[in-house]
Amino acid sequence: MAELLGKATGISKGRGGSMHMADVTKNFWGGHAIVGAHLPLASGLALGDKYAGRDGVTICDVRRRCHQYRLFHEH
């Protein structure tokens, strides 16, 4: 809640807001303000886990017509 209220105690020091929440210490990379633009980021994180031999799971929420975004079909 601190991040949403713009407080310095937020995970992005109050500067990210709801669209840019991220916490590297928890391996949470947040969202993206452009619909579908987070798909390449998620693909890269998953591929990085695979190459590093980690058993990580990458979850990418693809609501709001993301399936029409070109990169959805390429990844």
C-alpha atoms as a PDB file:
ATOM      1  CA  MET A   1       0.000   0.000   0.000  1.00  0.00           C
ATOM      2  CA  ALA A   2       2.883   2.360   0.681  1.00  0.00           C
ATOM      3  CA  GLU A   3       3.890   2.276  -2.991  1.00  0.00           C
ATOM      4  CA  LEU A   4       0.356   3.021  -4.152  1.00  0.00           C
ATOM      5  CA  LEU A   5       0.226   6.003  -1.811  1.00  0.00           C
ATOM      6  CA  GLY A   6       3.559   7.359  -3.048  1.00  0.00           C
ATOM      7  CA  LYS A   7       5.396   6.850   0.240  1.00  0.00           C
ATOM      8  CA  ALA A   8       9.160   6.418   0.483  1.00  0.00           C
ATOM      9  CA  THR A   9       8.633   3.122   2.319  1.00  0.00           C
ATOM     10  CA  GLY A  10       7.113   1.582  -0.846  1.00  0.00           C
ATOM     11  CA  ILE A  11       8.970  -1.105  -2.788  1.00  0.00           C
ATOM     12  CA  SER A  12       9.962   1.443  -5.451  1.00  0.00           C
ATOM     13  CA  LYS A  13      10.379   4.261  -2.929  1.00  0.00           C
ATOM     14  CA  GLY A  14       6.969   5.672  -3.901  1.00  0.00           C
ATOM     15  CA  ARG A  15       8.013   6.508  -7.463  1.00  0.00           C
ATOM     16  CA  GLY A  16       6.667   3.501  -9.338  1.00  0.00           C
ATOM     17  CA  GLY A  17       2.952   3.487  -8.702  1.00  0.00           C
ATOM     18  CA  SER A  18       0.785   0.512  -9.538  1.00  0.00           C
ATOM     19  CA  MET A  19       2.158  -0.050 -13.048  1.00  0.00           C
ATOM     20  CA  HIS A  20       5.836  -0.235 -12.129  1.00  0.00           C
ATOM     21  CA  MET A  21       5.984  -2.188  -8.882  1.00  0.00           C
ATOM     22  CA  ALA A  22       9.128  -4.282  -8.627  1.00  0.00           C
ATOM     23  CA  ASP A  23      11.157  -5.860  -5.850  1.00  0.00           C
ATOM     24  CA  VAL A  24      14.424  -7.450  -6.967  1.00  0.00           C
ATOM     25  CA  THR A  25      15.013  -9.037  -3.544  1.00  0.00           C
ATOM     26  CA  LYS A  26      11.807 -11.058  -4.006  1.00  0.00           C
ATOM     27  CA  ASN A  27      12.431 -11.701  -7.719  1.00  0.00           C
ATOM     28  CA  PHE A  28       9.241  -9.758  -8.491  1.00  0.00           C
ATOM     29  CA  TRP A  29       9.672  -7.716 -11.658  1.00  0.00           C
ATOM     30  CA  GLY A  30       6.313  -5.967 -11.678  1.00  0.00           C
ATOM     31  CA  GLY A  31       4.152  -4.761 -14.502  1.00  0.00           C
ATOM     32  CA  HIS A  32       4.522  -2.530 -17.505  1.00  0.00           C
ATOM     33  CA  ALA A  33       2.435   0.473 -18.546  1.00  0.00           C
ATOM     34  CA  ILE A  34       2.267  -0.637 -22.190  1.00  0.00           C
ATOM     35  CA  VAL A  35      -0.120  -3.531 -22.839  1.00  0.00           C
ATOM     36  CA  GLY A  36       1.823  -6.597 -23.919  1.00  0.00           C
ATOM     37  CA  ALA A  37       5.257  -5.031 -23.518  1.00  0.00           C
ATOM     38  CA  HIS A  38       6.026  -7.281 -20.542  1.00  0.00           C
ATOM     39  CA  LEU A  39       5.924 -10.430 -22.687  1.00  0.00           C
ATOM     40  CA  PRO A  40       9.531 -10.153 -23.947  1.00  0.00           C
ATOM     41  CA  LEU A  41      10.697  -9.417 -20.394  1.00  0.00           C
ATOM     42  CA  ALA A  42       8.963 -12.534 -19.066  1.00  0.00           C
ATOM     43  CA  SER A  43      10.392 -14.625 -21.899  1.00  0.00           C
ATOM     44  CA  GLY A  44      13.894 -13.396 -21.137  1.00  0.00           C
ATOM     45  CA  LEU A  45      13.544 -14.089 -17.413  1.00  0.00           C
ATOM     46  CA  ALA A  46      12.318 -17.626 -18.113  1.00  0.00           C
ATOM     47  CA  LEU A  47      15.108 -18.277 -20.593  1.00  0.00           C
ATOM     48  CA  GLY A  48      17.653 -16.912 -18.114  1.00  0.00           C
ATOM     49  CA  ASP A  49      16.396 -19.352 -15.480  1.00  0.00           C
ATOM     50  CA  LYS A  50      16.665 -22.207 -17.964  1.00  0.00           C
ATOM     51  CA  TYR A  51      20.228 -21.323 -19.001  1.00  0.00           C
ATOM     52  CA  ALA A  52      21.297 -20.907 -15.375  1.00  0.00           C
ATOM     53  CA  GLY A  53      19.840 -24.308 -14.483  1.00  0.00           C
ATOM     54  CA  ARG A  54      17.362 -22.847 -11.978  1.00  0.00           C
ATOM     55  CA  ASP A  55      13.970 -24.413 -11.382  1.00  0.00           C
ATOM     56  CA  GLY A  56      12.240 -21.034 -11.549  1.00  0.00           C
ATOM     57  CA  VAL A  57       8.690 -20.385 -12.673  1.00  0.00           C
ATOM     58  CA  THR A  58       7.840 -17.287 -14.694  1.00  0.00           C
ATOM     59  CA  ILE A  59       4.249 -16.061 -14.563  1.00  0.00           C
ATOM     60  CA  CYS A  60       3.122 -13.488 -17.098  1.00  0.00           C
ATOM     61  CA  ASP A  61      -0.422 -12.117 -16.855  1.00  0.00           C
ATOM     62  CA  VAL A  62      -1.737 -11.571 -20.390  1.00  0.00           C
ATOM     63  CA  ARG A  63      -5.093  -9.881 -19.988  1.00  0.00           C
ATOM     64  CA  ARG A  64      -6.571  -6.977 -21.932  1.00  0.00           C
ATOM     65  CA  ARG A  65      -6.203  -8.171 -25.496  1.00  0.00           C
ATOM     66  CA  CYS A  66      -2.489  -9.000 -25.198  1.00  0.00           C
ATOM     67  CA  HIS A  67      -3.079 -11.926 -27.517  1.00  0.00           C
ATOM     68  CA  GLN A  68      -3.365  -9.382 -30.356  1.00  0.00           C
ATOM     69  CA  TYR A  69       0.110  -8.077 -29.616  1.00  0.00           C
ATOM     70  CA  ARG A  70       2.653  -9.357 -32.156  1.00  0.00           C
ATOM     71  CA  LEU A  71       5.196 -10.514 -29.567  1.00  0.00           C
ATOM     72  CA  PHE A  72       2.600 -12.767 -27.934  1.00  0.00           C
ATOM     73  CA  HIS A  73       2.741 -15.024 -30.987  1.00  0.00           C
ATOM     74  CA  GLU A  74       6.519 -14.830 -31.413  1.00  0.00           C
ATOM     75  CA  HIS A  75       7.360 -15.939 -27.864  1.00  0.00           C
END
